[in-house]
Amino acid sequence: MRHTRRQFLRRAGCALGAATLFTRIEHFAPLSVMAQSGADYRALVCIFLAGGNDGNNLIVPLSSSGYSSYSAARGASGLAIADTSLLPITPSSINEPYGLHPSLPELSTLWSQQKLAVVCNVGPLVQPLTRQQYQGGGVARPYQLFSHSDQIAQWQTARADAVSPTGWGGRTADLFGPNSSGFPMITALSGGSFIQGETAQPLSIAPAPTPLNQVLVLNGFSTGAEEAARRNSMNYLRTIDRDFTLVKAVSDKTQQALDIGQSLNVDPALATLFPNTTLGNQLRQVAKVIKHVQASPSLGVTRQIFFCQLGGFDTHQNQVGTQASLLTQVSQAMKAFYDATVELGAENKVTTFTHSDFGRTLQPAGTGSGVVGSDHAWGNHHFVMGGAVRGGDFYGVPGLDGTVFPTLQLGGPDDTDNRGRWIPTASVEQYAATLATWYGVSASDLPGVFPLIGNFSTPNLGFMM
């Protein structure tokens, strides 16, 4: 059967569908890329907890006054966790007792080993904001507060003042420029604006158990006579009509996909056992990619950024059981991933961190056994994990009570209204800039990645070595 050129290209393009390169094809205006280099390998791994993880049950104060305030707001509805069930931790800078959610024993172990830190009450901000300023108006605040899609975008783009087509992960990759081999700096196990750059072109791959050498396979081009002829024809088509910008872009993109697929020619084995869960399989594949690039110096990869995602955290109801199950998955997967970095000798070179849409209200939503949940809020607590993390402590920006942990009081000094929606004291920019600085972004380049960073007193929250 004869095929038109258009049909042939469409078939060849679909053959790459097992995993695709996200791209804008090609920019028509010149872009300034401030290429940087680093001899030492470093990687950032973002885990997005989609739906809005409830930070109020993630970390609970265990001092008598702190737990009493928490229990007073949540106890009657059945949303409060018993103090005897919480996993006790004591942040060194505060020296008061707190408790981790009982589903986080593996992360509790990492905390005790000082490989896990918590960034408290962080969220999208245009500039620092108090309760009085929030309620009085006239001071810039993030657009469309408490909206899933808008708050997800603001976390992933680090822009609370405007819609941005690029994410802070993508802009960080733009700054470094491409790896010498063309192997993408960003690898995505899930989609999101975090990975989008101006020039950086992320690679999207399937999670485990898909073998790494099967994530970018060109089907229909084997060794048979017809298939060999098809391959020769495809190779020839990429050499012609290159005076046309879009044709050249498609041809080059096809070649890049072929080159990357060829470079992923092995499926590295890991001794570390990962849970067979959504997040466990994503992080297992991340560990395999890291092992592969470390074993392939010809790829010239010294910097990598990964994006993973776990959904289900929009717990307006049935929160107690749902969050417990999801956090069990988070704890087990993150601990396995940390153990894998130790296996690879990369624990000091890989930093893993969490993002989420927003926190949730301290005030419960719904009534009755099994129905109760919580609603959309704002500031939240997040984990940072790795050998280069100053673990065993809380980080952020102190509020009116002098600590980075918010005052758990409905209508209190950190509340937007009377529902326990904490106004962040630390911004996404400060949280992300601390990670980007460790990754190798210079102080002079931070405003290019985080345009609002100058609105905050410090770009570094101190949780990285």
Protein backbone atom coordinates (compact mmCIF):
# COMPACT_ATOMS: atom_id res chain seq x y z
CA MET A 1 0.00 0.00 0.00
CA ARG A 2 1.27 3.45 -0.87
CA HIS A 3 1.28 6.18 1.80
CA THR A 4 1.37 9.91 1.38
CA ARG A 5 4.16 11.85 3.07
CA ARG A 6 1.64 13.19 5.60
CA GLN A 7 0.38 9.68 6.43
CA PHE A 8 3.93 8.40 6.80
CA LEU A 9 4.95 11.18 9.16
CA ARG A 10 1.78 10.74 11.18
CA ARG A 11 2.50 7.00 11.54
CA ALA A 12 6.10 7.61 12.50
CA GLY A 13 5.02 10.22 15.05
CA CYS A 14 2.46 7.90 16.59
CA ALA A 15 5.10 5.21 16.89
CA LEU A 16 6.85 7.39 19.44
CA GLY A 17 3.70 7.55 21.54
CA ALA A 18 4.93 5.21 24.29
CA ALA A 19 6.55 8.27 25.82
CA THR A 20 6.72 11.73 24.34
CA LEU A 21 8.82 14.83 24.57
CA PHE A 22 6.78 17.82 25.72
CA THR A 23 7.81 20.71 23.56
CA ARG A 24 6.73 23.91 21.93
CA ILE A 25 8.52 22.62 18.80
CA GLU A 26 10.73 25.63 18.26
CA HIS A 27 10.78 29.29 19.25
CA PHE A 28 10.86 31.79 16.49
CA ALA A 29 12.61 34.54 18.47
CA PRO A 30 16.12 34.21 19.84
CA LEU A 31 16.34 33.34 23.53
CA SER A 32 19.14 34.20 25.91
CA VAL A 33 20.29 31.08 27.74
CA MET A 34 22.73 31.71 30.55
CA ALA A 35 24.39 28.32 30.38
CA GLN A 36 26.02 27.11 33.57
CA SER A 37 27.96 23.97 34.32
CA GLY A 38 28.76 21.92 37.35
CA ALA A 39 31.11 19.00 37.61
CA ASP A 40 29.18 17.53 40.52
CA TYR A 41 25.84 15.82 39.88
CA ARG A 42 22.72 17.25 41.55
CA ALA A 43 19.05 16.43 41.18
CA LEU A 44 15.77 17.88 42.43
CA VAL A 45 12.75 15.59 42.74
CA CYS A 46 9.34 17.25 43.15
CA ILE A 47 6.45 15.21 44.55
CA PHE A 48 3.14 17.00 44.02
CA LEU A 49 0.37 15.93 46.41
CA ALA A 50 -2.60 16.82 44.22
CA GLY A 51 -5.85 17.97 45.77
CA GLY A 52 -4.51 19.86 48.78
CA ASN A 53 -2.93 17.79 51.54
CA ASP A 54 -4.21 18.61 55.04
CA GLY A 55 -1.18 19.98 56.86
CA ASN A 56 -3.09 20.37 60.11
CA ASN A 57 -3.14 16.59 60.54
CA LEU A 58 0.26 16.13 58.91
CA ILE A 59 2.01 17.84 61.83
CA VAL A 60 0.27 18.47 65.16
CA PRO A 61 1.60 20.37 68.18
CA LEU A 62 1.92 18.13 71.25
CA SER A 63 2.46 20.79 73.89
CA SER A 64 -0.53 20.96 76.24
CA SER A 65 -1.71 24.34 74.94
CA GLY A 66 -0.99 23.54 71.27
CA TYR A 67 -2.77 20.21 71.27
CA SER A 68 -5.69 21.66 73.22
CA SER A 69 -6.24 24.32 70.55
CA TYR A 70 -6.03 21.70 67.80
CA SER A 71 -8.38 19.31 69.59
CA ALA A 72 -10.86 22.05 70.42
CA ALA A 73 -11.26 22.81 66.72
CA ARG A 74 -11.29 19.23 65.41
CA GLY A 75 -12.04 16.86 68.27
CA ALA A 76 -15.85 16.98 68.32
CA SER A 77 -16.12 16.13 64.62
CA GLY A 78 -13.76 13.17 64.85
CA LEU A 79 -11.16 14.82 62.60
CA ALA A 80 -8.53 15.22 65.35
CA ILE A 81 -5.85 12.55 65.72
CA ALA A 82 -5.35 11.24 69.25
CA ASP A 83 -2.16 12.59 70.78
CA THR A 84 -1.11 9.06 71.74
CA SER A 85 -1.21 7.99 68.06
CA LEU A 86 1.05 10.75 66.74
CA LEU A 87 4.73 10.05 66.07
CA PRO A 88 6.65 12.43 68.36
CA ILE A 89 9.30 14.76 66.97
CA THR A 90 11.03 17.78 68.48
CA PRO A 91 12.39 20.40 66.06
CA SER A 92 15.71 21.61 67.39
CA SER A 93 15.06 25.31 66.79
CA ILE A 94 11.73 25.35 68.64
CA ASN A 95 12.41 22.71 71.31
CA GLU A 96 8.73 21.92 71.76
CA PRO A 97 7.06 18.57 71.04
CA TYR A 98 5.12 17.95 67.82
CA GLY A 99 3.70 14.82 66.25
CA LEU A 100 3.78 13.46 62.72
CA HIS A 101 0.71 11.75 61.30
CA PRO A 102 0.72 8.09 62.43
CA SER A 103 0.96 6.93 58.79
CA LEU A 104 4.48 8.35 58.47
CA PRO A 105 6.76 5.97 60.43
CA GLU A 106 9.34 5.79 57.61
CA LEU A 107 9.57 9.58 57.43
CA SER A 108 9.79 9.69 61.22
CA THR A 109 12.89 7.48 60.91
CA LEU A 110 14.42 9.86 58.37
CA TRP A 111 13.64 12.78 60.68
CA SER A 112 15.51 11.08 63.53
CA GLN A 113 18.43 10.51 61.15
CA GLN A 114 18.34 14.22 60.28
CA LYS A 115 17.61 13.50 56.63
CA LEU A 116 14.15 15.10 56.68
CA ALA A 117 13.11 18.70 57.36
CA VAL A 118 9.76 20.49 57.42
CA VAL A 119 9.08 23.88 55.86
CA CYS A 120 6.16 25.36 57.78
CA ASN A 121 3.27 27.57 56.70
CA VAL A 122 4.47 28.12 53.14
CA GLY A 123 2.28 29.14 50.21
CA PRO A 124 1.82 31.51 47.27
CA LEU A 125 2.39 35.18 48.11
CA VAL A 126 2.94 38.33 46.08
CA GLN A 127 4.51 39.97 49.14
CA PRO A 128 4.40 39.41 52.91
CA LEU A 129 0.84 39.76 54.19
CA THR A 130 -0.74 40.05 57.65
CA ARG A 131 -4.29 39.23 58.71
CA GLN A 132 -5.07 42.94 59.03
CA GLN A 133 -3.74 43.65 55.53
CA TYR A 134 -5.59 40.67 54.08
CA GLN A 135 -8.91 41.70 55.58
CA GLY A 136 -8.41 45.39 54.87
CA GLY A 137 -7.56 44.95 51.20
CA GLY A 138 -5.33 47.28 49.25
CA VAL A 139 -2.31 44.95 49.52
CA ALA A 140 -1.48 42.59 46.67
CA ARG A 141 -2.56 39.03 47.24
CA PRO A 142 -2.45 35.92 45.01
CA TYR A 143 -5.15 35.74 42.37
CA GLN A 144 -8.05 33.30 42.77
CA LEU A 145 -7.17 32.12 46.27
CA PHE A 146 -8.51 28.70 47.32
CA SER A 147 -9.03 27.58 43.70
CA HIS A 148 -7.44 24.25 42.81
CA SER A 149 -6.27 25.09 39.31
CA ASP A 150 -4.96 28.56 40.17
CA GLN A 151 -3.17 27.51 43.35
CA ILE A 152 -1.62 24.51 41.60
CA ALA A 153 -0.34 26.87 38.92
CA GLN A 154 1.07 29.29 41.50
CA TRP A 155 2.91 26.53 43.34
CA GLN A 156 4.35 25.11 40.14
CA THR A 157 5.20 28.42 38.45
CA ALA A 158 6.19 30.43 41.55
CA ARG A 159 4.12 33.32 40.20
CA ALA A 160 1.24 34.46 42.41
CA ASP A 161 0.75 37.77 40.60
CA ALA A 162 0.09 36.57 37.05
CA VAL A 163 -0.55 33.52 34.92
CA SER A 164 2.76 32.11 33.69
CA PRO A 165 3.33 29.69 30.78
CA THR A 166 6.52 28.40 32.42
CA GLY A 167 7.21 26.66 35.72
CA TRP A 168 10.06 27.26 38.12
CA GLY A 169 11.50 23.84 37.35
CA GLY A 170 11.49 24.65 33.64
CA ARG A 171 13.00 28.09 34.14
CA THR A 172 15.75 26.58 36.28
CA ALA A 173 16.55 24.13 33.50
CA ASP A 174 16.52 27.00 30.96
CA LEU A 175 19.20 28.74 32.97
CA PHE A 176 21.58 25.81 32.77
CA GLY A 177 21.06 25.16 29.10
CA PRO A 178 20.93 21.69 27.51
CA ASN A 179 23.16 18.80 28.47
CA SER A 180 25.99 18.21 26.01
CA SER A 181 24.35 15.07 24.62
CA GLY A 182 20.88 16.58 24.28
CA PHE A 183 19.50 14.31 27.00
CA PRO A 184 16.73 16.34 28.69
CA MET A 185 17.44 17.92 32.06
CA ILE A 186 13.81 17.46 33.13
CA THR A 187 12.09 14.07 33.33
CA ALA A 188 8.38 13.95 34.09
CA LEU A 189 6.45 10.99 35.45
CA SER A 190 3.35 13.20 35.41
CA GLY A 191 2.34 16.41 33.65
CA GLY A 192 2.27 19.91 35.12
CA SER A 193 3.34 23.48 34.51
CA PHE A 194 6.33 22.96 36.85
CA ILE A 195 8.26 21.27 34.03
CA GLN A 196 7.61 23.85 31.30
CA GLY A 197 10.50 26.10 30.28
CA GLU A 198 11.20 28.48 27.43
CA THR A 199 13.93 26.30 25.95
CA ALA A 200 14.03 23.24 28.22
CA GLN A 201 12.18 20.33 26.67
CA PRO A 202 11.06 17.78 29.28
CA LEU A 203 11.04 14.05 28.66
CA SER A 204 7.86 12.25 29.72
CA ILE A 205 8.23 8.59 30.64
CA ALA A 206 6.03 5.87 32.08
CA PRO A 207 6.61 4.76 35.67
CA ALA A 208 7.83 1.33 36.70
CA PRO A 209 7.21 -1.51 36.21
CA THR A 210 7.74 -0.41 32.58
CA PRO A 211 11.42 -1.22 31.91
CA LEU A 212 13.49 1.91 31.35
CA ASN A 213 14.65 0.62 27.96
CA GLN A 214 11.02 0.37 26.85
CA VAL A 215 9.80 3.89 27.69
CA LEU A 216 10.75 5.43 24.34
CA VAL A 217 10.51 2.72 21.73
CA LEU A 218 9.93 3.25 18.02
CA ASN A 219 7.47 0.54 17.02
CA GLY A 220 7.20 -0.88 13.51
CA PHE A 221 10.88 -0.43 12.61
CA SER A 222 12.41 -3.84 13.22
CA THR A 223 14.72 -5.89 10.96
CA GLY A 224 12.24 -7.14 8.36
CA ALA A 225 12.60 -5.96 4.76
CA GLU A 226 9.48 -3.80 4.81
CA GLU A 227 10.39 -2.33 8.20
CA ALA A 228 13.96 -1.62 7.10
CA ALA A 229 12.62 0.17 4.04
CA ARG A 230 10.32 2.19 6.27
CA ARG A 231 13.27 3.16 8.47
CA ASN A 232 15.34 4.22 5.44
CA SER A 233 12.47 6.31 4.13
CA MET A 234 11.97 7.99 7.50
CA ASN A 235 15.67 8.76 7.73
CA TYR A 236 15.62 10.25 4.22
CA LEU A 237 12.55 12.41 4.92
CA ARG A 238 14.37 14.06 7.81
CA THR A 239 17.07 15.30 5.42
CA ILE A 240 14.80 17.18 3.00
CA ASP A 241 12.70 20.36 3.11
CA ARG A 242 14.78 21.66 6.01
CA ASP A 243 14.48 25.21 4.70
CA PHE A 244 10.96 25.23 6.14
CA THR A 245 11.04 26.06 9.85
CA LEU A 246 8.26 23.73 11.00
CA VAL A 247 9.48 20.81 8.89
CA LYS A 248 12.99 21.26 10.28
CA ALA A 249 11.62 21.45 13.82
CA VAL A 250 9.64 18.21 13.44
CA SER A 251 12.61 16.44 11.84
CA ASP A 252 14.97 17.57 14.59
CA LYS A 253 12.49 16.64 17.29
CA THR A 254 12.06 13.18 15.81
CA GLN A 255 15.83 12.74 15.71
CA GLN A 256 16.14 13.88 19.33
CA ALA A 257 13.51 11.34 20.39
CA LEU A 258 15.35 8.60 18.52
CA ASP A 259 18.66 9.58 20.10
CA ILE A 260 17.19 9.64 23.61
CA GLY A 261 15.45 6.31 23.04
CA GLN A 262 18.76 4.82 21.89
CA SER A 263 20.56 6.20 24.95
CA LEU A 264 18.01 4.52 27.23
CA ASN A 265 19.21 1.12 26.11
CA VAL A 266 19.34 -0.66 29.47
CA ASP A 267 16.99 -1.25 32.37
CA PRO A 268 19.14 -0.72 35.50
CA ALA A 269 18.61 -3.08 38.40
CA LEU A 270 18.09 -1.75 41.92
CA ALA A 271 18.64 -3.71 45.10
CA THR A 272 16.31 -1.38 47.01
CA LEU A 273 12.74 -2.65 47.17
CA PHE A 274 10.01 -0.14 46.31
CA PRO A 275 6.33 -0.46 47.19
CA ASN A 276 4.13 -1.38 44.22
CA THR A 277 2.11 1.82 44.47
CA THR A 278 1.46 4.84 42.27
CA LEU A 279 4.16 6.95 43.90
CA GLY A 280 6.44 4.00 44.60
CA ASN A 281 6.57 3.10 40.92
CA GLN A 282 7.21 6.68 39.86
CA LEU A 283 10.10 7.10 42.29
CA ARG A 284 11.50 3.70 41.36
CA GLN A 285 11.71 4.86 37.73
CA VAL A 286 13.37 8.10 38.84
CA ALA A 287 16.01 6.11 40.72
CA LYS A 288 16.63 3.99 37.61
CA VAL A 289 17.10 7.10 35.45
CA ILE A 290 19.59 8.50 37.97
CA LYS A 291 21.50 5.22 38.01
CA HIS A 292 21.54 5.16 34.21
CA VAL A 293 22.91 8.68 33.76
CA GLN A 294 25.55 8.09 36.44
CA ALA A 295 26.67 4.98 34.58
CA SER A 296 26.71 6.88 31.25
CA PRO A 297 29.24 9.72 31.48
CA SER A 298 29.01 10.22 27.72
CA LEU A 299 25.55 11.72 28.26
CA GLY A 300 27.18 14.67 30.03
CA VAL A 301 24.35 14.93 32.55
CA THR A 302 25.30 16.86 35.70
CA ARG A 303 21.89 18.30 36.59
CA GLN A 304 18.44 16.71 36.58
CA ILE A 305 14.94 17.73 37.67
CA PHE A 306 12.11 15.21 38.13
CA PHE A 307 8.36 15.67 38.61
CA CYS A 308 6.09 13.06 40.21
CA GLN A 309 2.49 13.32 41.36
CA LEU A 310 0.06 11.53 43.67
CA GLY A 311 -3.62 12.53 43.65
CA GLY A 312 -6.56 12.07 45.97
CA PHE A 313 -5.86 14.72 48.63
CA ASP A 314 -9.03 16.79 48.05
CA THR A 315 -10.59 15.49 51.25
CA HIS A 316 -13.82 17.42 51.77
CA GLN A 317 -15.13 14.22 53.33
CA ASN A 318 -13.84 10.83 54.45
CA GLN A 319 -10.55 12.51 55.25
CA VAL A 320 -9.40 10.35 58.15
CA GLY A 321 -9.14 7.12 56.19
CA THR A 322 -8.26 8.63 52.83
CA GLN A 323 -5.39 10.76 54.08
CA ALA A 324 -4.06 7.92 56.22
CA SER A 325 -3.87 5.64 53.17
CA LEU A 326 -2.27 8.27 50.94
CA LEU A 327 0.31 9.27 53.56
CA THR A 328 1.25 5.62 54.06
CA GLN A 329 2.05 5.54 50.33
CA VAL A 330 4.03 8.80 50.56
CA SER A 331 6.04 7.64 53.58
CA GLN A 332 6.93 4.23 52.18
CA ALA A 333 7.78 5.52 48.70
CA MET A 334 9.91 8.44 49.91
CA LYS A 335 11.88 6.23 52.31
CA ALA A 336 12.49 3.64 49.59
CA PHE A 337 13.68 6.39 47.26
CA TYR A 338 16.06 7.77 49.87
CA ASP A 339 17.41 4.25 50.44
CA ALA A 340 17.91 3.92 46.68
CA THR A 341 19.96 7.12 46.58
CA VAL A 342 22.13 5.66 49.35
CA GLU A 343 22.53 2.51 47.27
CA LEU A 344 23.66 4.67 44.34
CA GLY A 345 25.99 6.76 46.49
CA ALA A 346 23.92 9.82 45.59
CA GLU A 347 22.11 10.64 48.84
CA ASN A 348 23.95 13.96 49.17
CA LYS A 349 23.31 14.82 45.51
CA VAL A 350 19.54 14.26 45.34
CA THR A 351 16.98 16.38 47.18
CA THR A 352 13.31 15.41 47.25
CA PHE A 353 10.55 17.84 48.25
CA THR A 354 6.76 18.07 48.32
CA HIS A 355 4.31 20.57 46.86
CA SER A 356 0.51 20.62 47.07
CA ASP A 357 -2.37 22.84 45.93
CA PHE A 358 -2.85 24.38 49.37
CA GLY A 359 -3.46 23.45 52.99
CA ARG A 360 -6.92 22.77 54.39
CA THR A 361 -9.08 24.50 56.95
CA LEU A 362 -8.54 23.76 60.62
CA GLN A 363 -12.33 23.90 60.95
CA PRO A 364 -13.83 20.58 59.84
CA ALA A 365 -16.25 20.25 56.95
CA GLY A 366 -19.19 17.88 57.22
CA THR A 367 -20.48 15.91 60.17
CA GLY A 368 -20.92 12.30 61.12
CA SER A 369 -18.67 9.29 61.29
CA GLY A 370 -16.58 8.81 58.16
CA VAL A 371 -18.01 11.86 56.40
CA VAL A 372 -16.00 14.64 57.96
CA GLY A 373 -13.26 16.35 56.02
CA SER A 374 -11.87 19.86 55.57
CA ASP A 375 -12.05 22.60 52.95
CA HIS A 376 -9.60 24.55 50.77
CA ALA A 377 -7.21 26.78 52.68
CA TRP A 378 -3.81 28.39 52.01
CA GLY A 379 -0.54 27.99 53.94
CA ASN A 380 0.73 24.44 54.39
CA HIS A 381 3.65 22.34 55.67
CA HIS A 382 6.02 20.46 53.35
CA PHE A 383 8.77 17.85 53.57
CA VAL A 384 12.32 18.15 52.20
CA MET A 385 14.42 14.96 52.16
CA GLY A 386 18.03 14.14 51.36
CA GLY A 387 21.56 13.86 52.60
CA ALA A 388 22.20 17.57 51.95
CA VAL A 389 19.16 18.63 54.01
CA ARG A 390 19.60 20.13 57.48
CA GLY A 391 17.13 17.64 58.89
CA GLY A 392 15.40 17.30 62.20
CA ASP A 393 14.08 20.85 62.27
CA PHE A 394 11.32 23.22 61.14
CA TYR A 395 12.07 26.04 58.69
CA GLY A 396 10.19 29.03 57.37
CA VAL A 397 9.51 32.63 58.35
CA PRO A 398 8.45 33.34 61.97
CA GLY A 399 4.96 34.73 62.50
CA LEU A 400 3.60 36.92 65.26
CA ASP A 401 4.14 34.18 67.86
CA GLY A 402 7.87 34.14 67.07
CA THR A 403 7.89 30.62 65.54
CA VAL A 404 7.52 29.34 61.98
CA PHE A 405 4.51 27.20 63.00
CA PRO A 406 1.15 29.00 62.75
CA THR A 407 -1.09 29.72 65.72
CA LEU A 408 -3.86 27.09 65.58
CA GLN A 409 -6.71 29.40 66.49
CA LEU A 410 -9.88 30.02 64.53
CA GLY A 411 -9.99 33.76 63.93
CA GLY A 412 -6.45 34.02 65.34
CA PRO A 413 -3.50 36.10 64.11
CA ASP A 414 -2.66 33.75 61.21
CA ASP A 415 -6.23 33.12 60.01
CA THR A 416 -7.72 34.80 56.94
CA ASP A 417 -11.18 34.67 58.53
CA ASN A 418 -12.64 32.31 61.15
CA ARG A 419 -12.06 28.91 59.55
CA GLY A 420 -8.36 28.32 60.09
CA ARG A 421 -6.98 29.28 56.67
CA TRP A 422 -3.39 30.13 57.53
CA ILE A 423 -1.88 33.13 55.78
CA PRO A 424 1.57 31.91 54.69
CA THR A 425 4.56 33.50 56.37
CA ALA A 426 6.98 31.87 53.90
CA SER A 427 6.45 32.18 50.16
CA VAL A 428 6.73 29.55 47.46
CA GLU A 429 9.55 31.70 46.04
CA GLN A 430 11.60 31.44 49.24
CA TYR A 431 11.01 27.70 49.53
CA ALA A 432 11.87 27.07 45.87
CA ALA A 433 14.79 29.52 45.77
CA THR A 434 16.44 27.68 48.67
CA LEU A 435 16.28 24.50 46.61
CA ALA A 436 17.41 26.25 43.43
CA THR A 437 20.39 27.79 45.22
CA TRP A 438 21.54 24.36 46.36
CA TYR A 439 21.01 23.14 42.78
CA GLY A 440 23.47 25.76 41.58
CA VAL A 441 21.47 28.85 40.62
CA SER A 442 23.51 31.94 41.51
CA ALA A 443 22.13 34.82 43.57
CA SER A 444 22.27 37.11 40.53
CA ASP A 445 20.19 34.65 38.48
CA LEU A 446 17.49 33.99 41.10
CA PRO A 447 15.26 36.91 39.94
CA GLY A 448 15.19 35.41 36.45
CA VAL A 449 13.73 32.20 37.83
CA PHE A 450 11.68 33.82 40.62
CA PRO A 451 10.59 37.32 39.51
CA LEU A 452 8.96 38.13 42.89
CA ILE A 453 11.86 37.02 45.08
CA GLY A 454 12.89 40.64 45.75
CA ASN A 455 9.60 41.18 47.63
CA PHE A 456 10.80 38.96 50.47
CA SER A 457 13.48 39.61 53.05
CA THR A 458 15.59 36.53 52.31
CA PRO A 459 15.73 34.12 49.37
CA ASN A 460 17.12 31.33 51.51
CA LEU A 461 15.26 29.58 54.33
CA GLY A 462 18.38 27.70 55.45
CA PHE A 463 17.27 24.08 55.20
CA MET A 464 19.97 23.06 52.71
CA MET A 465 23.65 22.59 53.50
